[in-house]
Amino acid sequence: MDYLHQLVLDPKDLSKSSTIQRMFEKSLESMEGAKLNAVPTPALILEIPRVQDKLQRYQAVIPNLTLNLSHLIENGEFMER
């Protein structure tokens, strides 16, 4: 099952850049501490809000090679792949 998540950006965050990890964590926090039910497989697709092909809030987004989702899964179980 694929997962798609539209990132919800924090309007109070005035930084000029952010990492994907930080944006995803903050987005879930803003949704009243939402968590994943399971490890997203085969993919987790994150959509960054844009306005006319420009990032809505940040001048730059720093990609992560991997995301740590272990603390974002509801039952706390994390299977390393």
PDB file of N, CA and C in Angstrom:
ATOM      1  N   MET A   1       0.840  -1.181   0.000  1.00  0.00           N
ATOM      2  CA  MET A   1       0.000   0.000   0.000  1.00  0.00           C
ATOM      3  C   MET A   1       0.892   1.253   0.000  1.00  0.00           C
ATOM      4  N   ASP A   2       0.625   2.180  -0.878  1.00  0.00           N
ATOM      5  CA  ASP A   2       1.358   3.446  -0.921  1.00  0.00           C
ATOM      6  C   ASP A   2       0.752   4.420   0.074  1.00  0.00           C
ATOM      7  N   TYR A   3       1.549   5.355   0.492  1.00  0.00           N
ATOM      8  CA  TYR A   3       1.082   6.419   1.370  1.00  0.00           C
ATOM      9  C   TYR A   3       1.413   7.760   0.738  1.00  0.00           C
ATOM     10  N   LEU A   4       0.469   8.691   0.800  1.00  0.00           N
ATOM     11  CA  LEU A   4       0.676  10.042   0.313  1.00  0.00           C
ATOM     12  C   LEU A   4       0.346  10.993   1.447  1.00  0.00           C
ATOM     13  N   HIS A   5       1.230  11.937   1.695  1.00  0.00           N
ATOM     14  CA  HIS A   5       0.988  12.903   2.768  1.00  0.00           C
ATOM     15  C   HIS A   5       1.297  14.306   2.248  1.00  0.00           C
ATOM     16  N   GLN A   6       0.300  15.158   2.294  1.00  0.00           N
ATOM     17  CA  GLN A   6       0.486  16.578   1.969  1.00  0.00           C
ATOM     18  C   GLN A   6       1.051  17.241   3.222  1.00  0.00           C
ATOM     19  N   LEU A   7       2.265  17.734   3.150  1.00  0.00           N
ATOM     20  CA  LEU A   7       2.882  18.364   4.314  1.00  0.00           C
ATOM     21  C   LEU A   7       2.115  19.615   4.721  1.00  0.00           C
ATOM     22  N   VAL A   8       1.876  19.745   6.005  1.00  0.00           N
ATOM     23  CA  VAL A   8       1.245  20.934   6.567  1.00  0.00           C
ATOM     24  C   VAL A   8       2.364  21.742   7.204  1.00  0.00           C
ATOM     25  N   LEU A   9       2.600  22.930   6.696  1.00  0.00           N
ATOM     26  CA  LEU A   9       3.718  23.741   7.185  1.00  0.00           C
ATOM     27  C   LEU A   9       3.299  24.607   8.363  1.00  0.00           C
ATOM     28  N   ASP A  10       4.235  24.768   9.283  1.00  0.00           N
ATOM     29  CA  ASP A  10       4.003  25.573  10.481  1.00  0.00           C
ATOM     30  C   ASP A  10       4.116  27.053  10.120  1.00  0.00           C
ATOM     31  N   PRO A  11       3.043  27.824  10.261  1.00  0.00           N
ATOM     32  CA  PRO A  11       3.111  29.252   9.910  1.00  0.00           C
ATOM     33  C   PRO A  11       4.043  30.055  10.818  1.00  0.00           C
ATOM     34  N   LYS A  12       4.378  29.510  11.993  1.00  0.00           N
ATOM     35  CA  LYS A  12       5.274  30.202  12.921  1.00  0.00           C
ATOM     36  C   LYS A  12       6.747  29.957  12.610  1.00  0.00           C
ATOM     37  N   ASP A  13       7.025  28.987  11.745  1.00  0.00           N
ATOM     38  CA  ASP A  13       8.406  28.656  11.394  1.00  0.00           C
ATOM     39  C   ASP A  13       8.926  29.679  10.390  1.00  0.00           C
ATOM     40  N   LEU A  14       9.874  30.491  10.809  1.00  0.00           N
ATOM     41  CA  LEU A  14      10.410  31.551   9.954  1.00  0.00           C
ATOM     42  C   LEU A  14      11.768  31.197   9.353  1.00  0.00           C
ATOM     43  N   SER A  15      12.204  29.944   9.528  1.00  0.00           N
ATOM     44  CA  SER A  15      13.497  29.564   8.968  1.00  0.00           C
ATOM     45  C   SER A  15      13.438  29.553   7.443  1.00  0.00           C
ATOM     46  N   LYS A  16      14.598  29.733   6.825  1.00  0.00           N
ATOM     47  CA  LYS A  16      14.665  29.813   5.367  1.00  0.00           C
ATOM     48  C   LYS A  16      14.806  28.450   4.717  1.00  0.00           C
ATOM     49  N   SER A  17      15.163  27.437   5.520  1.00  0.00           N
ATOM     50  CA  SER A  17      15.291  26.087   4.974  1.00  0.00           C
ATOM     51  C   SER A  17      14.878  25.070   6.033  1.00  0.00           C
ATOM     52  N   SER A  18      14.640  23.852   5.572  1.00  0.00           N
ATOM     53  CA  SER A  18      14.262  22.772   6.473  1.00  0.00           C
ATOM     54  C   SER A  18      14.634  21.450   5.830  1.00  0.00           C
ATOM     55  N   THR A  19      14.686  20.400   6.650  1.00  0.00           N
ATOM     56  CA  THR A  19      14.923  19.061   6.113  1.00  0.00           C
ATOM     57  C   THR A  19      13.576  18.376   5.919  1.00  0.00           C
ATOM     58  N   ILE A  20      13.559  17.371   5.076  1.00  0.00           N
ATOM     59  CA  ILE A  20      12.343  16.598   4.857  1.00  0.00           C
ATOM     60  C   ILE A  20      11.909  15.935   6.166  1.00  0.00           C
ATOM     61  N   GLN A  21      12.870  15.401   6.928  1.00  0.00           N
ATOM     62  CA  GLN A  21      12.555  14.749   8.208  1.00  0.00           C
ATOM     63  C   GLN A  21      11.824  15.715   9.134  1.00  0.00           C
ATOM     64  N   ARG A  22      12.371  16.903   9.286  1.00  0.00           N
ATOM     65  CA  ARG A  22      11.780  17.901  10.191  1.00  0.00           C
ATOM     66  C   ARG A  22      10.391  18.333   9.712  1.00  0.00           C
ATOM     67  N   MET A  23      10.261  18.536   8.410  1.00  0.00           N
ATOM     68  CA  MET A  23       8.969  18.959   7.864  1.00  0.00           C
ATOM     69  C   MET A  23       7.898  17.891   8.084  1.00  0.00           C
ATOM     70  N   PHE A  24       8.258  16.611   7.896  1.00  0.00           N
ATOM     71  CA  PHE A  24       7.298  15.530   8.080  1.00  0.00           C
ATOM     72  C   PHE A  24       6.894  15.412   9.552  1.00  0.00           C
ATOM     73  N   GLU A  25       7.870  15.486  10.451  1.00  0.00           N
ATOM     74  CA  GLU A  25       7.570  15.409  11.883  1.00  0.00           C
ATOM     75  C   GLU A  25       6.668  16.563  12.324  1.00  0.00           C
ATOM     76  N   LYS A  26       7.005  17.770  11.921  1.00  0.00           N
ATOM     77  CA  LYS A  26       6.205  18.944  12.294  1.00  0.00           C
ATOM     78  C   LYS A  26       4.806  18.874  11.692  1.00  0.00           C
ATOM     79  N   SER A  27       4.700  18.338  10.476  1.00  0.00           N
ATOM     80  CA  SER A  27       3.408  18.213   9.829  1.00  0.00           C
ATOM     81  C   SER A  27       2.498  17.270  10.622  1.00  0.00           C
ATOM     82  N   LEU A  28       3.032  16.134  11.055  1.00  0.00           N
ATOM     83  CA  LEU A  28       2.237  15.196  11.846  1.00  0.00           C
ATOM     84  C   LEU A  28       1.867  15.801  13.203  1.00  0.00           C
ATOM     85  N   GLU A  29       2.802  16.534  13.814  1.00  0.00           N
ATOM     86  CA  GLU A  29       2.517  17.200  15.092  1.00  0.00           C
ATOM     87  C   GLU A  29       1.366  18.188  14.939  1.00  0.00           C
ATOM     88  N   SER A  30       1.349  18.915  13.840  1.00  0.00           N
ATOM     89  CA  SER A  30       0.296  19.915  13.627  1.00  0.00           C
ATOM     90  C   SER A  30      -1.066  19.265  13.420  1.00  0.00           C
ATOM     91  N   MET A  31      -1.069  17.989  13.107  1.00  0.00           N
ATOM     92  CA  MET A  31      -2.315  17.241  12.924  1.00  0.00           C
ATOM     93  C   MET A  31      -2.654  16.513  14.226  1.00  0.00           C
ATOM     94  N   GLU A  32      -2.507  17.235  15.334  1.00  0.00           N
ATOM     95  CA  GLU A  32      -2.805  16.713  16.668  1.00  0.00           C
ATOM     96  C   GLU A  32      -2.022  15.443  16.976  1.00  0.00           C
ATOM     97  N   GLY A  33      -0.741  15.441  16.601  1.00  0.00           N
ATOM     98  CA  GLY A  33       0.137  14.322  16.923  1.00  0.00           C
ATOM     99  C   GLY A  33      -0.181  13.048  16.163  1.00  0.00           C
ATOM    100  N   ALA A  34      -0.652  13.170  14.950  1.00  0.00           N
ATOM    101  CA  ALA A  34      -0.994  11.997  14.131  1.00  0.00           C
ATOM    102  C   ALA A  34       0.218  11.093  13.986  1.00  0.00           C
ATOM    103  N   LYS A  35      -0.037   9.794  13.868  1.00  0.00           N
ATOM    104  CA  LYS A  35       1.027   8.813  13.664  1.00  0.00           C
ATOM    105  C   LYS A  35       0.634   7.878  12.539  1.00  0.00           C
ATOM    106  N   LEU A  36       1.615   7.177  12.007  1.00  0.00           N
ATOM    107  CA  LEU A  36       1.369   6.182  10.969  1.00  0.00           C
ATOM    108  C   LEU A  36       0.879   4.895  11.625  1.00  0.00           C
ATOM    109  N   ASN A  37       0.014   4.158  10.950  1.00  0.00           N
ATOM    110  CA  ASN A  37      -0.453   2.871  11.471  1.00  0.00           C
ATOM    111  C   ASN A  37       0.572   1.777  11.250  1.00  0.00           C
ATOM    112  N   ALA A  38       1.373   1.911  10.205  1.00  0.00           N
ATOM    113  CA  ALA A  38       2.367   0.894   9.853  1.00  0.00           C
ATOM    114  C   ALA A  38       3.457   1.546   9.018  1.00  0.00           C
ATOM    115  N   VAL A  39       4.498   0.789   8.765  1.00  0.00           N
ATOM    116  CA  VAL A  39       5.574   1.271   7.903  1.00  0.00           C
ATOM    117  C   VAL A  39       5.018   1.400   6.489  1.00  0.00           C
ATOM    118  N   PRO A  40       5.131   2.566   5.877  1.00  0.00           N
ATOM    119  CA  PRO A  40       4.621   2.756   4.511  1.00  0.00           C
ATOM    120  C   PRO A  40       5.389   1.894   3.511  1.00  0.00           C
ATOM    121  N   THR A  41       4.689   0.994   2.830  1.00  0.00           N
ATOM    122  CA  THR A  41       5.343   0.167   1.827  1.00  0.00           C
ATOM    123  C   THR A  41       4.469   0.106   0.591  1.00  0.00           C
ATOM    124  N   PRO A  42       4.976   0.173  -0.560  1.00  0.00           N
ATOM    125  CA  PRO A  42       6.391   0.265  -0.873  1.00  0.00           C
ATOM    126  C   PRO A  42       6.947   1.684  -0.841  1.00  0.00           C
ATOM    127  N   ALA A  43       6.085   2.690  -0.607  1.00  0.00           N
ATOM    128  CA  ALA A  43       6.585   4.059  -0.704  1.00  0.00           C
ATOM    129  C   ALA A  43       5.829   5.004   0.213  1.00  0.00           C
ATOM    130  N   LEU A  44       6.509   6.063   0.600  1.00  0.00           N
ATOM    131  CA  LEU A  44       5.898   7.188   1.299  1.00  0.00           C
ATOM    132  C   LEU A  44       6.137   8.409   0.417  1.00  0.00           C
ATOM    133  N   ILE A  45       5.063   8.991  -0.071  1.00  0.00           N
ATOM    134  CA  ILE A  45       5.173  10.144  -0.964  1.00  0.00           C
ATOM    135  C   ILE A  45       4.795  11.386  -0.172  1.00  0.00           C
ATOM    136  N   LEU A  46       5.711  12.330  -0.092  1.00  0.00           N
ATOM    137  CA  LEU A  46       5.468  13.580   0.619  1.00  0.00           C
ATOM    138  C   LEU A  46       5.324  14.699  -0.391  1.00  0.00           C
ATOM    139  N   GLU A  47       4.255  15.448  -0.272  1.00  0.00           N
ATOM    140  CA  GLU A  47       4.015  16.560  -1.181  1.00  0.00           C
ATOM    141  C   GLU A  47       4.249  17.868  -0.444  1.00  0.00           C
ATOM    142  N   ILE A  48       5.126  18.683  -0.985  1.00  0.00           N
ATOM    143  CA  ILE A  48       5.465  19.972  -0.386  1.00  0.00           C
ATOM    144  C   ILE A  48       4.572  21.043  -1.006  1.00  0.00           C
ATOM    145  N   PRO A  49       3.891  21.839  -0.181  1.00  0.00           N
ATOM    146  CA  PRO A  49       3.027  22.889  -0.726  1.00  0.00           C
ATOM    147  C   PRO A  49       3.796  23.875  -1.613  1.00  0.00           C
ATOM    148  N   ARG A  50       3.215  24.192  -2.756  1.00  0.00           N
ATOM    149  CA  ARG A  50       3.831  25.125  -3.704  1.00  0.00           C
ATOM    150  C   ARG A  50       2.806  26.145  -4.152  1.00  0.00           C
ATOM    151  N   VAL A  51       3.304  27.289  -4.557  1.00  0.00           N
ATOM    152  CA  VAL A  51       2.470  28.321  -5.162  1.00  0.00           C
ATOM    153  C   VAL A  51       3.179  28.724  -6.456  1.00  0.00           C
ATOM    154  N   GLN A  52       2.549  28.484  -7.571  1.00  0.00           N
ATOM    155  CA  GLN A  52       3.123  28.789  -8.886  1.00  0.00           C
ATOM    156  C   GLN A  52       4.535  28.220  -9.029  1.00  0.00           C
ATOM    157  N   ASP A  53       4.675  26.928  -8.749  1.00  0.00           N
ATOM    158  CA  ASP A  53       5.932  26.185  -8.873  1.00  0.00           C
ATOM    159  C   ASP A  53       7.046  26.653  -7.943  1.00  0.00           C
ATOM    160  N   LYS A  54       6.738  27.451  -6.940  1.00  0.00           N
ATOM    161  CA  LYS A  54       7.740  27.853  -5.950  1.00  0.00           C
ATOM    162  C   LYS A  54       7.331  27.304  -4.598  1.00  0.00           C
ATOM    163  N   LEU A  55       8.338  26.951  -3.792  1.00  0.00           N
ATOM    164  CA  LEU A  55       8.041  26.467  -2.454  1.00  0.00           C
ATOM    165  C   LEU A  55       7.284  27.527  -1.684  1.00  0.00           C
ATOM    166  N   GLN A  56       6.291  27.115  -0.946  1.00  0.00           N
ATOM    167  CA  GLN A  56       5.425  28.064  -0.271  1.00  0.00           C
ATOM    168  C   GLN A  56       6.126  28.806   0.869  1.00  0.00           C
ATOM    169  N   ARG A  57       6.966  28.151   1.631  1.00  0.00           N
ATOM    170  CA  ARG A  57       7.532  28.786   2.805  1.00  0.00           C
ATOM    171  C   ARG A  57       9.056  28.874   2.778  1.00  0.00           C
ATOM    172  N   TYR A  58       9.727  27.853   2.296  1.00  0.00           N
ATOM    173  CA  TYR A  58      11.183  27.774   2.407  1.00  0.00           C
ATOM    174  C   TYR A  58      11.867  28.133   1.096  1.00  0.00           C
ATOM    175  N   GLN A  59      13.050  28.709   1.227  1.00  0.00           N
ATOM    176  CA  GLN A  59      13.863  28.973   0.040  1.00  0.00           C
ATOM    177  C   GLN A  59      14.554  27.693  -0.416  1.00  0.00           C
ATOM    178  N   ALA A  60      14.790  26.782   0.548  1.00  0.00           N
ATOM    179  CA  ALA A  60      15.455  25.518   0.227  1.00  0.00           C
ATOM    180  C   ALA A  60      14.932  24.412   1.126  1.00  0.00           C
ATOM    181  N   VAL A  61      14.855  23.220   0.560  1.00  0.00           N
ATOM    182  CA  VAL A  61      14.502  22.033   1.330  1.00  0.00           C
ATOM    183  C   VAL A  61      15.673  21.071   1.206  1.00  0.00           C
ATOM    184  N   ILE A  62      16.195  20.648   2.341  1.00  0.00           N
ATOM    185  CA  ILE A  62      17.368  19.773   2.372  1.00  0.00           C
ATOM    186  C   ILE A  62      16.875  18.329   2.394  1.00  0.00           C
ATOM    187  N   PRO A  63      17.185  17.555   1.348  1.00  0.00           N
ATOM    188  CA  PRO A  63      16.696  16.177   1.298  1.00  0.00           C
ATOM    189  C   PRO A  63      17.432  15.285   2.302  1.00  0.00           C
ATOM    190  N   ASN A  64      16.724  14.300   2.823  1.00  0.00           N
ATOM    191  CA  ASN A  64      17.325  13.277   3.666  1.00  0.00           C
ATOM    192  C   ASN A  64      17.484  12.026   2.810  1.00  0.00           C
ATOM    193  N   LEU A  65      18.598  11.319   2.968  1.00  0.00           N
ATOM    194  CA  LEU A  65      18.764  10.062   2.230  1.00  0.00           C
ATOM    195  C   LEU A  65      17.858   8.984   2.802  1.00  0.00           C
ATOM    196  N   THR A  66      17.596   9.068   4.108  1.00  0.00           N
ATOM    197  CA  THR A  66      16.678   8.154   4.766  1.00  0.00           C
ATOM    198  C   THR A  66      15.837   8.946   5.758  1.00  0.00           C
ATOM    199  N   LEU A  67      14.669   8.413   6.086  1.00  0.00           N
ATOM    200  CA  LEU A  67      13.820   9.021   7.114  1.00  0.00           C
ATOM    201  C   LEU A  67      13.702   8.048   8.273  1.00  0.00           C
ATOM    202  N   ASN A  68      13.795   8.562   9.497  1.00  0.00           N
ATOM    203  CA  ASN A  68      13.577   7.745  10.680  1.00  0.00           C
ATOM    204  C   ASN A  68      12.102   7.857  11.038  1.00  0.00           C
ATOM    205  N   LEU A  69      11.362   6.782  10.814  1.00  0.00           N
ATOM    206  CA  LEU A  69       9.924   6.776  11.069  1.00  0.00           C
ATOM    207  C   LEU A  69       9.568   6.034  12.356  1.00  0.00           C
ATOM    208  N   SER A  70      10.556   5.476  13.043  1.00  0.00           N
ATOM    209  CA  SER A  70      10.272   4.606  14.188  1.00  0.00           C
ATOM    210  C   SER A  70       9.425   5.289  15.256  1.00  0.00           C
ATOM    211  N   HIS A  71       9.662   6.546  15.540  1.00  0.00           N
ATOM    212  CA  HIS A  71       8.894   7.257  16.564  1.00  0.00           C
ATOM    213  C   HIS A  71       7.577   7.815  16.026  1.00  0.00           C
ATOM    214  N   LEU A  72       7.324   7.617  14.743  1.00  0.00           N
ATOM    215  CA  LEU A  72       6.108   8.134  14.124  1.00  0.00           C
ATOM    216  C   LEU A  72       5.085   7.043  13.820  1.00  0.00           C
ATOM    217  N   ILE A  73       5.380   5.806  14.278  1.00  0.00           N
ATOM    218  CA  ILE A  73       4.471   4.695  14.035  1.00  0.00           C
ATOM    219  C   ILE A  73       3.660   4.432  15.295  1.00  0.00           C
ATOM    220  N   GLU A  74       2.357   4.304  15.139  1.00  0.00           N
ATOM    221  CA  GLU A  74       1.403   4.206  16.247  1.00  0.00           C
ATOM    222  C   GLU A  74       1.756   3.158  17.281  1.00  0.00           C
ATOM    223  N   ASN A  75       2.009   1.931  16.862  1.00  0.00           N
ATOM    224  CA  ASN A  75       2.232   0.860  17.820  1.00  0.00           C
ATOM    225  C   ASN A  75       3.685   0.768  18.291  1.00  0.00           C
ATOM    226  N   GLY A  76       4.534   1.639  17.780  1.00  0.00           N
ATOM    227  CA  GLY A  76       5.920   1.684  18.219  1.00  0.00           C
ATOM    228  C   GLY A  76       6.796   0.604  17.616  1.00  0.00           C
ATOM    229  N   GLU A  77       6.204  -0.288  16.831  1.00  0.00           N
ATOM    230  CA  GLU A  77       6.996  -1.347  16.212  1.00  0.00           C
ATOM    231  C   GLU A  77       7.591  -0.828  14.909  1.00  0.00           C
ATOM    232  N   PHE A  78       8.846  -1.116  14.701  1.00  0.00           N
ATOM    233  CA  PHE A  78       9.512  -0.639  13.499  1.00  0.00           C
ATOM    234  C   PHE A  78      10.330  -1.783  12.936  1.00  0.00           C
ATOM    235  N   MET A  79      10.089  -2.115  11.688  1.00  0.00           N
ATOM    236  CA  MET A  79      10.856  -3.172  11.046  1.00  0.00           C
ATOM    237  C   MET A  79      11.886  -2.525  10.139  1.00  0.00           C
ATOM    238  N   GLU A  80      13.136  -2.815  10.393  1.00  0.00           N
ATOM    239  CA  GLU A  80      14.231  -2.272   9.566  1.00  0.00           C
ATOM    240  C   GLU A  80      14.231  -2.990   8.228  1.00  0.00           C
ATOM    241  N   ARG A  81      14.341  -2.217   7.152  1.00  0.00           N
ATOM    242  CA  ARG A  81      14.385  -2.835   5.824  1.00  0.00           C
ATOM    243  C   ARG A  81      15.704  -2.578   5.198  1.00  0.00           C
TER     244      ARG A  81
END
